[in-house]
Amino acid sequence: MAFLPNFAPFNILSLLLLVVGVIVSRAEARPRAFFVFGDSLVDNGNNNYLATTARADAPPYGIDYAPNHRPTGRFSNGYNIPDFISQRLGAESTLPYLSPELTGDKLLVGANFASAGIGILNDTGIQFVNVIRMYRQLEYFQEYQNRVSSLIGASQAKRLVNQSLVLITVGGNDFVNNYYLVPNSARSRQYPLPQYVNYLISEYQKLLQKLYDLGARRVLVTGTGPLGCVPSELAQRGRNGECAAELQEAAELFNPQLEQMLLQLNRKLGKDVFIAANTGKMHNNFVTNPEQFGFITAKVACCGQGPYNGLGLCTPLSNLCSNRGQYAFWDAFHPSEKANRLIVEEIMSGSEAYMNPMNLSTILALDAITT
């Protein structure tokens, strides 16, 4: 009887120390690393360091970007999709891989490799000349891992990458800045549209397999948006305010095939690595019923010139709306900060119609249990 009272305080103290240790370790634990690949929808400034016309480094880009309200290289009035995902991860935004600030502990946050103007294919966006094409983004990802290995050791670097979240957004430019860039383009003479989409999907699968081979284990893959409904296409191809039919057909062919390819890849790998984010469906909701989401228009860009403010990029001389939170599109091609935030809300909690096989909240919950 005397043994238990003497031993109990030691047990209680040990338990308290264990609990405190868990709390401290969790408090000190970093959010999972986040890596971003793709085009201008997710580029946060890499092209600022390149000699290219595909840049967003002049006002009024960044007019709502906190805290300095200056252009950052994001094709947005403020935050883009990766920024809002970083916030949901409890992390700071990833730096562009080409940023000289990406050193030391900043590397452990992750990196953004995206570059405006690029596509799945290497010949997409050739008019922009000096951009980071997808094969090069993946080479940079390998280079990044070598840098992190030097910082924290190879095994910890591998663990950081395996436990990271990856976002890849690419494909729209393969239509807008390739197949439909000019009448009778080289690719449109080479392939009828259905065969071109098949080709894109097969090439995309190779990129995703390479991403897996480089250690990515949770990858959000977004489809294309409503390509024919962006202000640029309304201005150049649309009739009477209707979406451009051929580009809408392209998106309607591409997105379902992309989702099926991702599910097939998962079956091949035996686990849910690739998550299909149907951002096209999300954005179509804004287009068909903008008022439901607090927008006054999903046709006219907030910043631009010409019909629908859809000609050229946003410049200091462009028309600029004052009520930017009421526009679904910021410029001729890109969603506004508010639209980006709404898209990420669907990525976080959307049903299987939007996020297949699961949304990001479910992924984070599952991974918290298994890591």
Protein backbone atom coordinates (compact mmCIF):
# COMPACT_ATOMS: atom_id res chain seq x y z
CA MET A 1 0.00 0.00 0.00
CA ALA A 2 2.87 2.38 0.78
CA PHE A 3 4.48 1.72 -2.63
CA LEU A 4 1.78 3.31 -4.74
CA PRO A 5 1.70 6.75 -3.08
CA ASN A 6 5.52 6.99 -3.29
CA PHE A 7 5.52 5.98 -6.98
CA ALA A 8 2.47 7.97 -8.12
CA PRO A 9 4.09 11.44 -8.03
CA PHE A 10 6.90 10.17 -10.27
CA ASN A 11 4.36 8.82 -12.76
CA ILE A 12 2.39 12.06 -12.73
CA LEU A 13 5.54 14.15 -13.15
CA SER A 14 6.68 11.96 -16.04
CA LEU A 15 3.30 12.27 -17.70
CA LEU A 16 3.29 16.05 -17.30
CA LEU A 17 6.79 16.30 -18.76
CA LEU A 18 5.71 14.13 -21.68
CA VAL A 19 2.65 16.29 -22.36
CA VAL A 20 4.67 19.50 -22.09
CA GLY A 21 7.26 18.02 -24.43
CA VAL A 22 4.61 17.18 -27.01
CA ILE A 23 3.12 20.68 -26.77
CA VAL A 24 6.52 22.34 -27.10
CA SER A 25 7.56 20.12 -30.01
CA ARG A 26 4.31 20.88 -31.81
CA ALA A 27 4.67 24.58 -31.14
CA GLU A 28 8.21 24.52 -32.51
CA ALA A 29 7.34 22.27 -35.44
CA ARG A 30 7.39 23.98 -38.79
CA PRO A 31 4.36 23.88 -41.07
CA ARG A 32 4.85 21.36 -43.85
CA ALA A 33 6.90 22.63 -46.78
CA PHE A 34 4.99 23.85 -49.83
CA PHE A 35 6.16 23.75 -53.44
CA VAL A 36 4.52 25.42 -56.41
CA PHE A 37 4.95 24.67 -60.12
CA GLY A 38 3.21 26.08 -63.16
CA ASP A 39 2.31 29.27 -64.96
CA SER A 40 1.18 32.85 -64.28
CA LEU A 41 -1.80 31.77 -62.20
CA VAL A 42 0.63 30.69 -59.49
CA ASP A 43 3.89 32.55 -60.31
CA ASN A 44 4.81 34.83 -57.42
CA GLY A 45 7.75 36.63 -58.94
CA ASN A 46 10.22 34.34 -60.71
CA ASN A 47 9.77 36.21 -63.98
CA ASN A 48 10.91 39.42 -62.26
CA TYR A 49 14.40 37.96 -62.52
CA LEU A 50 14.13 37.07 -66.22
CA ALA A 51 14.37 39.06 -69.44
CA THR A 52 10.80 38.44 -70.57
CA THR A 53 7.65 40.41 -71.36
CA ALA A 54 5.60 38.01 -69.20
CA ARG A 55 6.00 40.05 -66.02
CA ALA A 56 3.75 41.65 -63.44
CA ASP A 57 6.29 43.92 -61.78
CA ALA A 58 4.68 47.31 -62.43
CA PRO A 59 1.66 49.03 -60.86
CA PRO A 60 -1.20 48.55 -60.49
CA TYR A 61 -0.32 44.86 -60.01
CA GLY A 62 -0.08 44.30 -56.28
CA ILE A 63 -2.25 47.32 -55.42
CA ASP A 64 -3.94 45.30 -52.65
CA TYR A 65 -0.98 43.14 -51.67
CA ALA A 66 -0.38 43.55 -47.95
CA PRO A 67 1.46 45.21 -46.40
CA ASN A 68 3.22 47.40 -48.96
CA HIS A 69 0.64 47.49 -51.81
CA ARG A 70 3.35 47.22 -54.44
CA PRO A 71 3.82 44.81 -57.36
CA THR A 72 5.50 41.52 -56.47
CA GLY A 73 5.39 39.63 -59.76
CA ARG A 74 2.03 38.04 -58.93
CA PHE A 75 -0.54 38.43 -61.71
CA SER A 76 -3.10 39.70 -59.24
CA ASN A 77 -4.20 42.81 -57.42
CA GLY A 78 -3.18 41.03 -54.21
CA TYR A 79 -2.72 37.44 -53.07
CA ASN A 80 -2.84 34.51 -55.47
CA ILE A 81 -3.85 30.88 -54.92
CA PRO A 82 -0.51 29.73 -53.42
CA ASP A 83 -0.61 32.61 -50.92
CA PHE A 84 -4.00 31.55 -49.61
CA ILE A 85 -2.92 27.90 -49.41
CA SER A 86 0.18 28.93 -47.45
CA GLN A 87 -2.06 30.79 -45.02
CA ARG A 88 -4.15 27.64 -44.54
CA LEU A 89 -0.96 25.71 -43.82
CA GLY A 90 -0.05 28.26 -41.17
CA ALA A 91 3.03 29.23 -43.15
CA GLU A 92 4.49 32.30 -44.77
CA SER A 93 4.23 32.53 -48.54
CA THR A 94 6.87 30.66 -50.46
CA LEU A 95 9.54 32.75 -52.12
CA PRO A 96 10.26 32.57 -55.86
CA TYR A 97 13.06 30.09 -56.45
CA LEU A 98 15.08 32.75 -58.27
CA SER A 99 14.82 35.19 -55.37
CA PRO A 100 18.19 35.93 -53.72
CA GLU A 101 16.29 35.94 -50.40
CA LEU A 102 15.69 32.18 -50.68
CA THR A 103 18.52 31.03 -48.44
CA GLY A 104 19.01 29.42 -45.02
CA ASP A 105 15.87 28.67 -43.06
CA LYS A 106 13.72 30.27 -45.78
CA LEU A 107 14.46 27.19 -47.88
CA LEU A 108 12.64 25.03 -45.32
CA VAL A 109 9.35 26.84 -46.05
CA GLY A 110 9.47 25.50 -49.61
CA ALA A 111 9.78 27.32 -52.92
CA ASN A 112 7.79 28.58 -55.86
CA PHE A 113 9.17 27.48 -59.25
CA ALA A 114 6.28 28.76 -61.39
CA SER A 115 6.86 31.02 -64.37
CA ALA A 116 4.30 33.03 -66.32
CA GLY A 117 3.83 32.06 -69.95
CA ILE A 118 4.83 28.40 -69.77
CA GLY A 119 2.83 25.30 -70.62
CA ILE A 120 3.03 21.54 -70.55
CA LEU A 121 4.84 21.66 -73.90
CA ASN A 122 8.22 23.29 -74.39
CA ASP A 123 7.02 25.20 -77.46
CA THR A 124 4.19 26.88 -75.56
CA GLY A 125 4.76 30.58 -74.89
CA ILE A 126 7.78 30.83 -77.18
CA GLN A 127 6.91 34.51 -77.73
CA PHE A 128 7.89 35.17 -74.11
CA VAL A 129 11.39 33.78 -74.83
CA ASN A 130 13.10 33.60 -71.43
CA VAL A 131 10.75 31.75 -69.07
CA ILE A 132 11.18 28.70 -66.84
CA ARG A 133 9.68 25.82 -68.77
CA MET A 134 8.34 22.80 -66.93
CA TYR A 135 11.39 20.60 -67.48
CA ARG A 136 13.53 23.39 -66.03
CA GLN A 137 11.21 23.88 -63.05
CA LEU A 138 11.72 20.20 -62.21
CA GLU A 139 15.49 20.58 -62.60
CA TYR A 140 15.34 23.48 -60.16
CA PHE A 141 13.37 21.26 -57.76
CA GLN A 142 16.24 18.76 -57.81
CA GLU A 143 18.71 21.60 -57.31
CA TYR A 144 16.61 22.85 -54.39
CA GLN A 145 16.81 19.43 -52.74
CA ASN A 146 20.58 19.43 -53.07
CA ARG A 147 20.70 22.85 -51.39
CA VAL A 148 18.47 21.70 -48.53
CA SER A 149 20.51 18.51 -48.11
CA SER A 150 23.58 20.68 -47.52
CA LEU A 151 21.59 22.59 -44.90
CA ILE A 152 19.89 19.82 -42.89
CA GLY A 153 21.29 16.56 -44.26
CA ALA A 154 20.07 14.23 -47.01
CA SER A 155 17.67 12.15 -44.89
CA GLN A 156 15.94 15.20 -43.40
CA ALA A 157 15.74 16.85 -46.81
CA LYS A 158 14.08 13.73 -48.23
CA ARG A 159 11.64 13.70 -45.32
CA LEU A 160 10.83 17.40 -45.83
CA VAL A 161 10.00 16.80 -49.51
CA ASN A 162 8.05 13.57 -48.88
CA GLN A 163 5.89 15.30 -46.27
CA SER A 164 5.39 18.47 -48.29
CA LEU A 165 2.38 19.73 -50.18
CA VAL A 166 2.78 20.44 -53.88
CA LEU A 167 0.59 22.56 -56.17
CA ILE A 168 0.87 22.43 -59.95
CA THR A 169 -1.15 24.62 -62.30
CA VAL A 170 -0.37 24.30 -66.00
CA GLY A 171 -2.18 23.64 -69.28
CA GLY A 172 -4.17 26.76 -70.14
CA ASN A 173 -1.31 28.34 -72.05
CA ASP A 174 -1.01 25.25 -74.23
CA PHE A 175 -4.28 26.39 -75.77
CA VAL A 176 -4.22 30.19 -75.42
CA ASN A 177 -0.51 30.69 -76.18
CA ASN A 178 0.03 27.77 -78.51
CA TYR A 179 -2.81 25.93 -80.28
CA TYR A 180 -5.03 29.01 -80.64
CA LEU A 181 -2.31 31.66 -80.51
CA VAL A 182 -2.55 32.40 -84.25
CA PRO A 183 -4.81 31.05 -87.00
CA ASN A 184 -3.46 27.81 -88.44
CA SER A 185 -0.80 27.49 -85.75
CA ALA A 186 1.78 24.74 -86.12
CA ARG A 187 0.14 22.63 -83.41
CA SER A 188 -3.37 23.08 -84.87
CA ARG A 189 -2.06 21.87 -88.26
CA GLN A 190 -0.38 18.92 -86.56
CA TYR A 191 -3.35 17.76 -84.46
CA PRO A 192 -7.14 18.05 -84.48
CA LEU A 193 -8.21 19.35 -81.06
CA PRO A 194 -9.17 15.96 -79.50
CA GLN A 195 -5.82 14.46 -80.48
CA TYR A 196 -3.98 17.53 -79.22
CA VAL A 197 -5.67 17.16 -75.84
CA ASN A 198 -4.66 13.49 -75.75
CA TYR A 199 -1.08 14.51 -76.48
CA LEU A 200 -1.11 17.14 -73.73
CA ILE A 201 -2.43 14.64 -71.20
CA SER A 202 0.25 12.09 -72.11
CA GLU A 203 3.00 14.71 -71.79
CA TYR A 204 1.54 15.98 -68.52
CA GLN A 205 1.57 12.46 -67.11
CA LYS A 206 5.31 12.26 -67.77
CA LEU A 207 5.86 15.51 -65.84
CA LEU A 208 3.78 14.28 -62.91
CA GLN A 209 5.63 10.95 -62.82
CA LYS A 210 8.89 12.88 -62.72
CA LEU A 211 7.53 14.99 -59.85
CA TYR A 212 6.71 11.78 -57.97
CA ASP A 213 10.17 10.39 -58.73
CA LEU A 214 11.62 13.56 -57.18
CA GLY A 215 9.81 12.83 -53.92
CA ALA A 216 6.42 14.58 -54.12
CA ARG A 217 3.74 12.57 -52.29
CA ARG A 218 0.82 15.00 -52.00
CA VAL A 219 0.17 16.94 -55.21
CA LEU A 220 -2.77 19.24 -55.93
CA VAL A 221 -3.28 19.38 -59.69
CA THR A 222 -5.61 22.09 -60.98
CA GLY A 223 -7.44 21.94 -64.29
CA THR A 224 -7.77 24.84 -66.68
CA GLY A 225 -10.23 27.63 -66.01
CA PRO A 226 -13.06 28.62 -68.37
CA LEU A 227 -10.62 29.52 -71.15
CA GLY A 228 -13.20 30.95 -73.52
CA CYS A 229 -14.79 33.17 -70.88
CA VAL A 230 -11.80 35.22 -69.75
CA PRO A 231 -12.00 38.92 -70.72
CA SER A 232 -9.21 38.49 -73.27
CA GLU A 233 -11.14 35.88 -75.22
CA LEU A 234 -14.43 37.75 -74.87
CA ALA A 235 -12.69 40.76 -76.43
CA GLN A 236 -11.01 38.87 -79.25
CA ARG A 237 -13.16 35.82 -80.05
CA GLY A 238 -16.45 36.09 -78.22
CA ARG A 239 -19.64 37.23 -79.91
CA ASN A 240 -22.16 39.42 -78.14
CA GLY A 241 -20.59 38.72 -74.77
CA GLU A 242 -20.70 34.95 -75.20
CA CYS A 243 -17.71 32.80 -74.29
CA ALA A 244 -15.44 31.73 -77.17
CA ALA A 245 -16.77 28.31 -78.16
CA GLU A 246 -13.54 26.70 -79.37
CA LEU A 247 -11.62 27.51 -76.18
CA GLN A 248 -14.50 26.34 -74.02
CA GLU A 249 -14.50 23.09 -75.96
CA ALA A 250 -10.77 22.75 -75.30
CA ALA A 251 -11.27 23.16 -71.54
CA GLU A 252 -14.21 20.75 -71.56
CA LEU A 253 -12.08 18.11 -73.27
CA PHE A 254 -8.96 18.69 -71.18
CA ASN A 255 -10.29 18.81 -67.62
CA PRO A 256 -12.15 15.44 -67.48
CA GLN A 257 -9.24 13.65 -69.16
CA LEU A 258 -6.82 15.23 -66.70
CA GLU A 259 -8.89 14.00 -63.76
CA GLN A 260 -9.07 10.47 -65.18
CA MET A 261 -5.32 10.43 -65.79
CA LEU A 262 -4.66 11.46 -62.17
CA LEU A 263 -6.91 8.70 -60.83
CA GLN A 264 -5.14 6.17 -63.06
CA LEU A 265 -1.75 7.37 -61.80
CA ASN A 266 -2.94 6.93 -58.22
CA ARG A 267 -4.11 3.40 -58.95
CA LYS A 268 -0.73 2.62 -60.51
CA LEU A 269 1.08 4.00 -57.44
CA GLY A 270 -1.33 2.35 -55.01
CA LYS A 271 -1.99 5.57 -53.07
CA ASP A 272 -3.68 8.95 -53.41
CA VAL A 273 -0.71 11.09 -54.41
CA PHE A 274 -2.42 13.28 -57.01
CA ILE A 275 -5.53 15.29 -56.14
CA ALA A 276 -7.63 16.70 -58.97
CA ALA A 277 -8.78 20.26 -58.17
CA ASN A 278 -11.56 21.17 -60.57
CA THR A 279 -10.80 24.89 -60.60
CA GLY A 280 -12.54 25.14 -63.98
CA LYS A 281 -15.84 24.19 -62.35
CA MET A 282 -15.12 26.56 -59.46
CA HIS A 283 -14.47 29.46 -61.80
CA ASN A 284 -17.41 28.57 -64.02
CA ASN A 285 -19.61 29.18 -60.98
CA PHE A 286 -18.42 32.80 -60.95
CA VAL A 287 -19.04 33.14 -64.68
CA THR A 288 -22.57 31.75 -64.64
CA ASN A 289 -23.73 33.37 -61.41
CA PRO A 290 -21.36 36.15 -60.33
CA GLU A 291 -23.85 37.85 -58.01
CA GLN A 292 -24.04 34.73 -55.81
CA PHE A 293 -20.37 35.25 -54.98
CA GLY A 294 -20.54 39.00 -54.48
CA PHE A 295 -19.27 39.99 -57.93
CA ILE A 296 -20.92 42.57 -60.14
CA THR A 297 -19.28 41.10 -63.24
CA ALA A 298 -17.36 38.07 -64.42
CA LYS A 299 -16.96 39.43 -67.94
CA VAL A 300 -15.14 42.75 -67.52
CA ALA A 301 -11.65 42.79 -66.02
CA CYS A 302 -10.95 45.24 -63.23
CA CYS A 303 -7.78 46.44 -64.97
CA GLY A 304 -7.23 46.68 -68.71
CA GLN A 305 -8.32 48.38 -71.89
CA GLY A 306 -10.53 47.73 -74.88
CA PRO A 307 -13.71 45.65 -74.86
CA TYR A 308 -14.22 44.00 -71.47
CA ASN A 309 -10.84 45.52 -70.46
CA GLY A 310 -9.58 42.43 -72.25
CA LEU A 311 -6.83 43.70 -74.55
CA GLY A 312 -3.25 43.45 -73.31
CA LEU A 313 -2.04 43.32 -69.74
CA CYS A 314 -2.76 45.71 -66.92
CA THR A 315 -0.51 48.83 -67.00
CA PRO A 316 -0.34 52.18 -65.17
CA LEU A 317 -2.33 53.65 -68.09
CA SER A 318 -5.10 51.02 -68.02
CA ASN A 319 -8.66 51.49 -66.84
CA LEU A 320 -8.75 50.51 -63.16
CA CYS A 321 -11.83 49.71 -61.12
CA SER A 322 -12.09 51.05 -57.57
CA ASN A 323 -14.22 48.19 -56.21
CA ARG A 324 -11.78 45.38 -56.88
CA GLY A 325 -13.51 42.93 -54.58
CA GLN A 326 -16.51 42.97 -56.91
CA TYR A 327 -14.68 41.75 -60.01
CA ALA A 328 -14.05 38.06 -60.71
CA PHE A 329 -11.18 38.93 -63.07
CA TRP A 330 -8.32 41.23 -62.19
CA ASP A 331 -6.84 41.53 -65.68
CA ALA A 332 -7.55 40.04 -69.10
CA PHE A 333 -6.54 36.52 -68.01
CA HIS A 334 -6.20 36.23 -64.24
CA PRO A 335 -8.67 36.02 -61.34
CA SER A 336 -8.88 38.75 -58.74
CA GLU A 337 -7.62 38.27 -55.21
CA LYS A 338 -11.18 37.65 -54.02
CA ALA A 339 -11.74 35.00 -56.70
CA ASN A 340 -8.47 33.33 -55.70
CA ARG A 341 -9.59 33.25 -52.07
CA LEU A 342 -12.93 31.66 -53.03
CA ILE A 343 -11.15 29.04 -55.14
CA VAL A 344 -8.93 28.09 -52.21
CA GLU A 345 -12.00 27.79 -49.97
CA GLU A 346 -13.27 25.12 -52.39
CA ILE A 347 -9.86 23.47 -52.48
CA MET A 348 -10.00 23.27 -48.70
CA SER A 349 -13.55 22.01 -48.24
CA GLY A 350 -15.11 21.25 -51.64
CA SER A 351 -17.03 18.08 -52.36
CA GLU A 352 -15.74 15.30 -54.62
CA ALA A 353 -17.25 17.14 -57.59
CA TYR A 354 -14.58 19.79 -57.02
CA MET A 355 -11.80 17.85 -55.25
CA ASN A 356 -11.22 14.23 -56.24
CA PRO A 357 -10.57 11.99 -54.35
CA MET A 358 -10.55 14.37 -51.35
CA ASN A 359 -10.25 18.02 -50.38
CA LEU A 360 -7.25 19.64 -48.76
CA SER A 361 -8.78 19.72 -45.27
CA THR A 362 -9.17 15.94 -45.42
CA ILE A 363 -5.59 15.55 -46.66
CA LEU A 364 -4.23 17.65 -43.81
CA ALA A 365 -6.26 15.71 -41.25
CA LEU A 366 -5.16 12.33 -42.61
CA ASP A 367 -1.52 13.34 -42.82
CA ALA A 368 -1.58 14.70 -39.26
CA ILE A 369 -2.52 11.21 -38.07
CA THR A 370 0.07 9.32 -40.12
CA THR A 371 3.11 11.59 -39.60
